[in-house]
Amino acid sequence: MENQKENHKYLETNGDYRMRELDKSDLEQFNALLQYAFQVTSYELLQTGWEQDEIKYAKRPILEAAYVLGWFYREKLASMIVVYSMKVNIHDNIMDMGGITGVATYPEYTGKGLIHSLMKRAINYMHDQEFPISFLYPYSIPFYRKMGWEIVSDKLSFTVKDTQLPKARPVKGMVERVSLESEDYKNVYSYFAYQRHGAMIRDSLAWDEYWRWENDDMIAAVYYNKEHKPLGYVVYYIANEIFHIKEMVYLNIEANYGLWNYVSAHFSMITQVQGDNYSGEPMAYLFEDSEITETISPYIMARIIDVKDFLTEYPYQIQPEDFKIHFRVIDQMSSWNNGDFMVSWHNGETICEQVEDNQSINVVELSINTLTTMLMGYKRPTYLYDHEKIQTEYYMLTWLERLIPVEKPYFSDYF
């Protein structure tokens, strides 16, 4: 143990507290903190079909494939954070993304600023790795807002009674139940993600996270057209006469009809359908009986890690060559993001320069939070202006509305 301590490189020390990266030797402590903080007991996992060894090694890939940082108190893990290397579709531009997860502290170590320092280190790490943006699932929205993250996507949960299910519509294809490892199913999502703003591009680790804590009763069903081309899928399970939809994805309206035909075919087995919709648009309008129940809740937060890189890569709707816009950004966690970023366009290329903060025209002043949610399309510029989230001259709203694509993000993953 003493040799192991000597080999560890500590990034910060504060009395008996030491910060360092975690490795395979920390797997047991890593799992223990995760299960404690997120209230996942071994008993619950065993009840859903997990073996004891599977529980122990379920999160091992994280320690091998992610950046995991923690504070240790006398060699006992006290607090930690995990950063995944991922990719996300930003208005048809595939960007590198740092996925924050595993943010946890034992209660006896709270109030000591451990998470704050870990978050700052994580931001610096993502900046060094040239991740333009970061996503996370928040356990406390106010806490992460202080760190610069902002809501960018909602989850719309719905309940449809069996009597409200849509009537069958004629389609030429059919639905087939497939293995959860089906390439057809994964290919449909991949095609969808490359077309849909906000969607995560799932690699093998992301797929593992997608399924990690699901029960063994989960089923995948794929819609094939008459040429047997996969065009959509629904992932679901049935329990207590309720059809639970984890995710429904379709590439065209034919697949949408086919999948709902399939769900409705369970009419005699179920009393209602429950599920989640991540499109940002309520579903009620599309039902003949629109008196279904829908609830909206914030789902994913995001944060621009490098303003200059993000503004350079961002796919603006127009590229006016005779126009320059100044984004005056305030970021309390990242010094490199503070200042005036001038964006202009030349020969189809976006140019972003950090300039002296002395401009008086075409200036949009806003926080890193607001810049993130605006460019992600979650809230429109005029809405943010009306609610005093951005400071600018009124005429600039027309420019911002023209520059920023009109599409809300779709994000259904949890990691």
Protein backbone atom coordinates (compact mmCIF):
# COMPACT_ATOMS: atom_id res chain seq x y z
CA MET A 1 0.00 0.00 0.00
CA GLU A 2 2.86 2.38 0.85
CA ASN A 3 4.42 1.91 -2.60
CA GLN A 4 1.06 2.53 -4.19
CA LYS A 5 0.75 5.82 -2.32
CA GLU A 6 4.19 6.89 -3.47
CA ASN A 7 3.30 6.21 -7.11
CA HIS A 8 0.24 8.43 -7.02
CA LYS A 9 0.58 11.95 -8.36
CA TYR A 10 -1.36 14.41 -6.23
CA LEU A 11 -2.74 17.50 -7.94
CA GLU A 12 -3.70 19.35 -4.75
CA THR A 13 -3.23 18.82 -1.02
CA ASN A 14 -5.05 20.43 1.89
CA GLY A 15 -4.09 18.98 5.25
CA ASP A 16 -5.16 15.32 5.25
CA TYR A 17 -7.02 15.79 1.94
CA ARG A 18 -5.30 14.93 -1.35
CA MET A 19 -6.63 15.18 -4.89
CA ARG A 20 -5.59 12.74 -7.60
CA GLU A 21 -6.81 10.70 -10.56
CA LEU A 22 -8.41 7.36 -9.78
CA ASP A 23 -7.15 4.11 -11.30
CA LYS A 24 -8.15 0.43 -11.30
CA SER A 25 -6.91 -0.03 -7.75
CA ASP A 26 -9.65 2.37 -6.63
CA LEU A 27 -12.51 0.36 -8.17
CA GLU A 28 -13.98 -0.83 -4.89
CA GLN A 29 -14.02 2.65 -3.33
CA PHE A 30 -15.31 4.14 -6.59
CA ASN A 31 -18.28 1.73 -6.71
CA ALA A 32 -19.01 2.21 -3.02
CA LEU A 33 -19.28 5.99 -3.35
CA LEU A 34 -21.43 5.73 -6.48
CA GLN A 35 -23.88 3.33 -4.86
CA TYR A 36 -24.03 5.37 -1.65
CA ALA A 37 -24.48 8.77 -3.32
CA PHE A 38 -27.02 7.65 -5.91
CA GLN A 39 -28.86 5.29 -3.54
CA VAL A 40 -28.41 2.18 -5.66
CA THR A 41 -28.16 -0.79 -3.34
CA SER A 42 -26.64 -4.16 -4.17
CA TYR A 43 -29.93 -5.75 -3.13
CA GLU A 44 -31.88 -3.71 -5.72
CA LEU A 45 -29.40 -4.61 -8.44
CA LEU A 46 -29.51 -8.29 -7.51
CA GLN A 47 -33.33 -8.15 -7.67
CA THR A 48 -33.15 -6.88 -11.26
CA GLY A 49 -30.94 -9.74 -12.40
CA TRP A 50 -27.40 -8.54 -11.65
CA GLU A 51 -24.77 -10.93 -10.31
CA GLN A 52 -22.54 -9.80 -7.46
CA ASP A 53 -19.42 -9.75 -9.64
CA GLU A 54 -21.30 -7.82 -12.33
CA ILE A 55 -22.17 -5.14 -9.77
CA LYS A 56 -18.54 -4.92 -8.70
CA TYR A 57 -17.18 -4.52 -12.21
CA ALA A 58 -20.10 -2.68 -13.90
CA LYS A 59 -18.36 0.68 -13.69
CA ARG A 60 -14.85 -0.61 -14.35
CA PRO A 61 -14.91 0.66 -17.98
CA ILE A 62 -15.24 4.20 -16.59
CA LEU A 63 -11.91 3.94 -14.80
CA GLU A 64 -10.35 2.69 -18.03
CA ALA A 65 -11.99 5.04 -20.53
CA ALA A 66 -12.75 8.24 -18.62
CA TYR A 67 -11.02 10.94 -16.61
CA VAL A 68 -11.88 10.27 -12.98
CA LEU A 69 -10.71 12.69 -10.32
CA GLY A 70 -11.19 12.47 -6.57
CA TRP A 71 -10.36 13.90 -3.18
CA PHE A 72 -9.01 11.37 -0.68
CA TYR A 73 -9.08 11.81 3.06
CA ARG A 74 -6.26 9.70 4.55
CA GLU A 75 -6.46 7.41 1.50
CA LYS A 76 -10.25 7.03 1.77
CA LEU A 77 -12.18 8.34 -1.25
CA ALA A 78 -14.25 11.30 -0.05
CA SER A 79 -15.42 13.03 -3.24
CA MET A 80 -15.12 12.49 -6.99
CA ILE A 81 -16.09 13.51 -10.51
CA VAL A 82 -16.02 11.68 -13.87
CA VAL A 83 -15.53 13.15 -17.36
CA TYR A 84 -16.47 11.06 -20.40
CA SER A 85 -15.10 11.81 -23.85
CA MET A 86 -18.19 11.95 -26.09
CA LYS A 87 -19.57 13.50 -29.24
CA VAL A 88 -22.79 15.44 -29.78
CA ASN A 89 -24.65 16.84 -32.78
CA ILE A 90 -24.85 20.64 -32.65
CA HIS A 91 -27.09 21.72 -35.54
CA ASP A 92 -25.57 19.03 -37.83
CA ASN A 93 -22.02 19.79 -36.72
CA ILE A 94 -20.52 16.91 -34.73
CA MET A 95 -18.57 18.32 -31.79
CA ASP A 96 -16.46 16.76 -29.06
CA MET A 97 -18.25 16.87 -25.72
CA GLY A 98 -17.20 16.28 -22.13
CA GLY A 99 -19.89 14.32 -20.31
CA ILE A 100 -19.86 15.02 -16.57
CA THR A 101 -21.12 12.21 -14.32
CA GLY A 102 -20.40 10.51 -11.00
CA VAL A 103 -20.34 13.81 -9.07
CA ALA A 104 -20.51 12.53 -5.51
CA THR A 105 -19.36 13.25 -1.94
CA TYR A 106 -19.88 11.36 1.29
CA PRO A 107 -22.00 13.52 3.62
CA GLU A 108 -19.29 13.79 6.28
CA TYR A 109 -17.06 15.60 3.78
CA THR A 110 -19.60 18.11 2.44
CA GLY A 111 -19.20 21.84 2.96
CA LYS A 112 -15.45 21.75 2.42
CA GLY A 113 -15.43 22.93 -1.20
CA LEU A 114 -14.31 19.55 -2.55
CA ILE A 115 -16.82 19.38 -5.43
CA HIS A 116 -16.20 23.01 -6.39
CA SER A 117 -12.47 22.37 -6.78
CA LEU A 118 -13.12 19.12 -8.68
CA MET A 119 -15.51 20.91 -11.06
CA LYS A 120 -12.91 23.59 -11.71
CA ARG A 121 -10.29 20.93 -12.43
CA ALA A 122 -12.74 19.13 -14.73
CA ILE A 123 -13.39 22.33 -16.68
CA ASN A 124 -9.65 22.91 -17.04
CA TYR A 125 -9.18 19.30 -18.18
CA MET A 126 -11.93 19.62 -20.82
CA HIS A 127 -10.36 22.88 -22.00
CA ASP A 128 -6.96 21.18 -22.33
CA GLN A 129 -8.62 18.32 -24.25
CA GLU A 130 -10.26 20.88 -26.56
CA PHE A 131 -13.86 19.90 -25.77
CA PRO A 132 -15.94 22.90 -26.93
CA ILE A 133 -18.95 21.91 -24.77
CA SER A 134 -19.93 19.78 -21.78
CA PHE A 135 -23.21 18.06 -20.83
CA LEU A 136 -24.43 16.72 -17.49
CA TYR A 137 -27.55 15.42 -15.78
CA PRO A 138 -28.09 17.73 -12.78
CA TYR A 139 -28.86 16.61 -9.26
CA SER A 140 -29.13 20.31 -8.35
CA ILE A 141 -29.84 22.87 -11.06
CA PRO A 142 -28.91 25.89 -8.86
CA PHE A 143 -25.58 24.29 -7.95
CA TYR A 144 -24.55 23.66 -11.55
CA ARG A 145 -25.80 27.06 -12.67
CA LYS A 146 -23.23 28.60 -10.35
CA MET A 147 -20.61 26.59 -12.25
CA GLY A 148 -21.77 27.87 -15.65
CA TRP A 149 -24.05 25.06 -16.81
CA GLU A 150 -27.57 25.81 -18.05
CA ILE A 151 -30.67 23.85 -19.04
CA VAL A 152 -30.68 22.96 -22.74
CA SER A 153 -33.16 20.07 -23.01
CA ASP A 154 -36.41 18.89 -21.45
CA LYS A 155 -37.95 15.50 -20.79
CA LEU A 156 -41.67 15.33 -21.58
CA SER A 157 -43.24 12.44 -19.69
CA PHE A 158 -46.62 11.25 -20.98
CA THR A 159 -49.43 8.94 -19.94
CA VAL A 160 -51.90 7.66 -22.54
CA LYS A 161 -54.94 5.59 -21.52
CA ASP A 162 -55.65 2.44 -23.50
CA THR A 163 -58.81 4.09 -24.86
CA GLN A 164 -56.74 7.02 -26.14
CA LEU A 165 -54.29 4.95 -28.19
CA PRO A 166 -54.24 5.93 -31.87
CA LYS A 167 -56.24 3.85 -34.32
CA ALA A 168 -54.23 1.69 -36.70
CA ARG A 169 -52.97 3.47 -39.80
CA PRO A 170 -52.08 1.55 -42.97
CA VAL A 171 -48.34 1.02 -43.46
CA LYS A 172 -46.52 -1.26 -45.88
CA GLY A 173 -43.87 -2.45 -43.44
CA MET A 174 -43.96 -4.27 -40.13
CA VAL A 175 -42.45 -4.27 -36.64
CA GLU A 176 -40.13 -7.04 -35.45
CA ARG A 177 -38.81 -7.61 -31.95
CA VAL A 178 -35.01 -7.78 -32.03
CA SER A 179 -32.07 -8.37 -29.72
CA LEU A 180 -30.94 -5.43 -27.62
CA GLU A 181 -27.61 -5.82 -29.44
CA SER A 182 -29.25 -5.62 -32.86
CA GLU A 183 -27.24 -3.65 -35.39
CA ASP A 184 -30.47 -2.56 -37.11
CA TYR A 185 -31.66 -0.94 -33.90
CA LYS A 186 -28.33 0.78 -33.28
CA ASN A 187 -28.03 1.89 -36.90
CA VAL A 188 -31.44 3.59 -36.75
CA TYR A 189 -30.32 5.58 -33.72
CA SER A 190 -26.97 6.42 -35.33
CA TYR A 191 -28.66 7.72 -38.49
CA PHE A 192 -31.14 9.65 -36.37
CA ALA A 193 -28.41 11.17 -34.17
CA TYR A 194 -26.44 12.42 -37.16
CA GLN A 195 -29.59 14.19 -38.39
CA ARG A 196 -30.93 15.52 -35.07
CA HIS A 197 -29.62 18.56 -33.23
CA GLY A 198 -28.62 17.84 -29.64
CA ALA A 199 -28.44 14.05 -29.99
CA MET A 200 -25.45 12.23 -28.60
CA ILE A 201 -23.38 10.09 -30.96
CA ARG A 202 -23.29 6.79 -29.06
CA ASP A 203 -20.07 4.81 -29.01
CA SER A 204 -19.75 1.45 -27.22
CA LEU A 205 -19.33 3.07 -23.79
CA ALA A 206 -22.38 5.31 -24.34
CA TRP A 207 -24.46 2.26 -25.30
CA ASP A 208 -23.26 0.51 -22.16
CA GLU A 209 -24.40 3.49 -20.09
CA TYR A 210 -27.73 3.52 -21.95
CA TRP A 211 -28.47 0.00 -20.72
CA ARG A 212 -26.44 -0.18 -17.51
CA TRP A 213 -29.13 -0.21 -14.82
CA GLU A 214 -32.11 -1.35 -16.89
CA ASN A 215 -33.97 -4.52 -15.97
CA ASP A 216 -33.87 -7.74 -17.94
CA ASP A 217 -37.43 -7.30 -19.22
CA MET A 218 -36.50 -4.50 -21.62
CA ILE A 219 -37.48 -5.18 -25.25
CA ALA A 220 -36.46 -3.51 -28.52
CA ALA A 221 -38.77 -3.57 -31.54
CA VAL A 222 -37.75 -2.22 -34.96
CA TYR A 223 -40.01 -0.98 -37.75
CA TYR A 224 -38.96 -2.22 -41.21
CA ASN A 225 -40.39 -0.87 -44.45
CA LYS A 226 -41.47 -3.18 -47.28
CA GLU A 227 -37.83 -3.42 -48.46
CA HIS A 228 -36.93 -4.52 -44.89
CA LYS A 229 -35.03 -1.33 -44.24
CA PRO A 230 -35.05 -0.35 -40.54
CA LEU A 231 -36.66 3.07 -40.11
CA GLY A 232 -37.55 3.29 -36.42
CA TYR A 233 -37.64 1.53 -33.09
CA VAL A 234 -39.29 1.50 -29.69
CA VAL A 235 -37.56 0.30 -26.51
CA TYR A 236 -40.04 -0.74 -23.83
CA TYR A 237 -41.14 -3.14 -21.13
CA ILE A 238 -44.56 -4.16 -19.83
CA ALA A 239 -45.34 -4.37 -16.11
CA ASN A 240 -48.58 -4.18 -14.11
CA GLU A 241 -50.61 -3.63 -17.31
CA ILE A 242 -48.54 -0.56 -18.22
CA PHE A 243 -46.57 -0.28 -21.47
CA HIS A 244 -43.42 1.65 -20.45
CA ILE A 245 -41.61 3.36 -23.35
CA LYS A 246 -37.94 4.09 -22.68
CA GLU A 247 -37.37 5.61 -26.10
CA MET A 248 -39.10 5.82 -29.48
CA VAL A 249 -37.15 6.96 -32.52
CA TYR A 250 -38.39 7.12 -36.11
CA LEU A 251 -36.85 8.40 -39.31
CA ASN A 252 -40.10 9.16 -41.16
CA ILE A 253 -43.85 9.32 -40.56
CA GLU A 254 -44.38 5.79 -41.88
CA ALA A 255 -42.19 4.42 -39.08
CA ASN A 256 -44.02 6.61 -36.56
CA TYR A 257 -47.36 5.16 -37.64
CA GLY A 258 -45.97 1.62 -37.68
CA LEU A 259 -44.55 1.89 -34.16
CA TRP A 260 -47.75 3.32 -32.69
CA ASN A 261 -49.72 0.58 -34.49
CA TYR A 262 -47.47 -1.87 -32.64
CA VAL A 263 -48.02 -0.18 -29.28
CA SER A 264 -51.79 -0.06 -29.85
CA ALA A 265 -51.78 -3.78 -30.72
CA HIS A 266 -51.14 -4.39 -27.00
CA PHE A 267 -54.57 -2.92 -26.20
CA SER A 268 -55.90 -6.10 -24.56
CA MET A 269 -52.81 -6.46 -22.35
CA ILE A 270 -52.48 -2.93 -20.95
CA THR A 271 -54.47 -0.12 -19.35
CA GLN A 272 -52.11 2.71 -20.25
CA VAL A 273 -48.87 3.69 -21.95
CA GLN A 274 -46.23 5.70 -20.12
CA GLY A 275 -43.08 7.08 -21.63
CA ASP A 276 -40.69 9.93 -22.16
CA ASN A 277 -40.42 12.24 -25.14
CA TYR A 278 -37.23 14.26 -25.64
CA SER A 279 -38.17 16.25 -28.74
CA GLY A 280 -39.04 19.45 -26.87
CA GLU A 281 -42.53 19.38 -28.40
CA PRO A 282 -45.66 18.07 -26.63
CA MET A 283 -47.33 15.06 -28.24
CA ALA A 284 -51.00 15.79 -27.44
CA TYR A 285 -51.72 17.55 -30.73
CA LEU A 286 -50.88 14.40 -32.68
CA PHE A 287 -53.45 12.25 -30.85
CA GLU A 288 -57.09 12.07 -31.91
CA ASP A 289 -57.97 12.22 -28.20
CA SER A 290 -55.58 14.94 -27.08
CA GLU A 291 -56.55 14.84 -23.41
CA ILE A 292 -53.50 12.80 -22.54
CA THR A 293 -51.32 13.70 -19.55
CA GLU A 294 -47.97 15.34 -20.25
CA THR A 295 -45.49 16.79 -17.79
CA ILE A 296 -42.39 18.76 -18.67
CA SER A 297 -39.25 18.71 -16.55
CA PRO A 298 -35.71 19.99 -17.19
CA TYR A 299 -33.45 17.14 -18.22
CA ILE A 300 -29.94 17.97 -19.41
CA MET A 301 -27.68 20.94 -18.74
CA ALA A 302 -24.78 22.05 -20.92
CA ARG A 303 -21.88 24.46 -20.70
CA ILE A 304 -19.67 25.95 -23.38
CA ILE A 305 -16.12 25.10 -22.31
CA ASP A 306 -14.27 27.22 -24.86
CA VAL A 307 -16.22 30.22 -26.19
CA LYS A 308 -13.79 31.02 -28.99
CA ASP A 309 -13.71 27.45 -30.33
CA PHE A 310 -17.47 27.00 -29.97
CA LEU A 311 -18.30 30.27 -31.74
CA THR A 312 -15.88 29.32 -34.52
CA GLU A 313 -17.35 25.84 -35.02
CA TYR A 314 -20.98 26.88 -34.58
CA PRO A 315 -23.13 26.46 -37.75
CA TYR A 316 -24.88 29.84 -38.09
CA GLN A 317 -27.96 30.05 -40.31
CA ILE A 318 -26.57 33.00 -42.24
CA GLN A 319 -23.04 34.30 -42.83
CA PRO A 320 -23.31 38.04 -43.52
CA GLU A 321 -19.93 39.23 -44.77
CA ASP A 322 -20.62 42.89 -44.03
CA PHE A 323 -21.54 42.28 -40.39
CA LYS A 324 -19.65 41.76 -37.12
CA ILE A 325 -21.14 40.78 -33.78
CA HIS A 326 -19.50 41.07 -30.38
CA PHE A 327 -20.37 38.53 -27.68
CA ARG A 328 -19.27 40.00 -24.37
CA VAL A 329 -19.17 36.95 -22.10
CA ILE A 330 -19.01 36.62 -18.31
CA ASP A 331 -17.66 33.30 -16.96
CA GLN A 332 -16.70 33.11 -13.29
CA MET A 333 -15.08 29.67 -13.57
CA SER A 334 -13.03 30.02 -16.78
CA SER A 335 -10.83 33.06 -17.28
CA TRP A 336 -10.27 32.27 -20.98
CA ASN A 337 -14.00 32.77 -21.62
CA ASN A 338 -14.22 36.25 -20.14
CA GLY A 339 -14.16 39.11 -22.60
CA ASP A 340 -15.31 40.34 -25.99
CA PHE A 341 -15.47 37.74 -28.77
CA MET A 342 -15.93 39.29 -32.21
CA VAL A 343 -17.52 37.00 -34.80
CA SER A 344 -17.40 37.74 -38.53
CA TRP A 345 -17.62 35.78 -41.78
CA HIS A 346 -15.49 35.70 -44.89
CA ASN A 347 -15.83 33.40 -47.92
CA GLY A 348 -18.04 30.98 -46.01
CA GLU A 349 -15.66 30.79 -43.04
CA THR A 350 -16.47 31.88 -39.50
CA ILE A 351 -13.81 33.98 -37.80
CA CYS A 352 -13.81 34.53 -34.04
CA GLU A 353 -11.32 36.83 -32.36
CA GLN A 354 -11.01 37.92 -28.76
CA VAL A 355 -10.68 41.71 -28.85
CA GLU A 356 -10.33 44.59 -26.44
CA ASP A 357 -13.52 45.21 -24.50
CA ASN A 358 -14.20 48.68 -25.91
CA GLN A 359 -16.89 48.12 -28.52
CA SER A 360 -20.12 50.09 -28.41
CA ILE A 361 -22.04 48.69 -31.39
CA ASN A 362 -23.37 45.20 -32.18
CA VAL A 363 -22.60 44.07 -28.63
CA VAL A 364 -24.45 41.24 -26.90
CA GLU A 365 -23.56 40.96 -23.22
CA LEU A 366 -24.47 37.74 -21.44
CA SER A 367 -23.27 35.00 -19.08
CA ILE A 368 -21.74 31.72 -20.21
CA ASN A 369 -24.99 30.05 -19.08
CA THR A 370 -27.17 32.20 -21.31
CA LEU A 371 -24.82 31.96 -24.28
CA THR A 372 -25.01 28.17 -24.00
CA THR A 373 -28.81 27.86 -23.81
CA MET A 374 -29.26 30.45 -26.60
CA LEU A 375 -26.86 28.85 -29.08
CA MET A 376 -28.22 25.39 -28.27
CA GLY A 377 -31.67 26.67 -29.29
CA TYR A 378 -33.38 25.88 -26.00
CA LYS A 379 -34.44 29.51 -25.50
CA ARG A 380 -34.69 32.10 -28.26
CA PRO A 381 -32.83 35.44 -28.14
CA THR A 382 -36.02 37.52 -27.88
CA TYR A 383 -37.23 35.45 -24.93
CA LEU A 384 -33.89 35.86 -23.16
CA TYR A 385 -33.88 39.60 -23.86
CA ASP A 386 -37.43 39.99 -22.52
CA HIS A 387 -36.38 38.22 -19.32
CA GLU A 388 -33.23 40.35 -18.93
CA LYS A 389 -30.82 37.50 -19.54
CA ILE A 390 -29.00 39.37 -22.28
CA GLN A 391 -28.13 43.03 -22.63
CA THR A 392 -28.07 44.44 -26.12
CA GLU A 393 -29.65 47.04 -28.37
CA TYR A 394 -33.11 46.01 -29.53
CA TYR A 395 -32.14 45.93 -33.21
CA MET A 396 -29.62 43.15 -32.45
CA LEU A 397 -32.42 40.72 -31.65
CA THR A 398 -33.31 40.54 -35.35
CA TRP A 399 -29.72 39.56 -36.13
CA LEU A 400 -29.56 36.98 -33.36
CA GLU A 401 -32.85 35.41 -34.43
CA ARG A 402 -31.54 35.12 -37.98
CA LEU A 403 -28.12 33.76 -36.96
CA ILE A 404 -29.26 31.03 -34.56
CA PRO A 405 -31.01 27.93 -36.03
CA VAL A 406 -34.57 27.29 -34.84
CA GLU A 407 -34.50 23.77 -33.41
CA LYS A 408 -34.68 22.55 -29.84
CA PRO A 409 -32.15 19.90 -28.79
CA TYR A 410 -33.05 16.22 -28.55
CA PHE A 411 -31.10 14.45 -25.81
CA SER A 412 -32.33 11.13 -24.41
CA ASP A 413 -29.17 9.70 -22.85
CA TYR A 414 -28.28 9.37 -19.20
CA PHE A 415 -24.74 8.78 -18.00
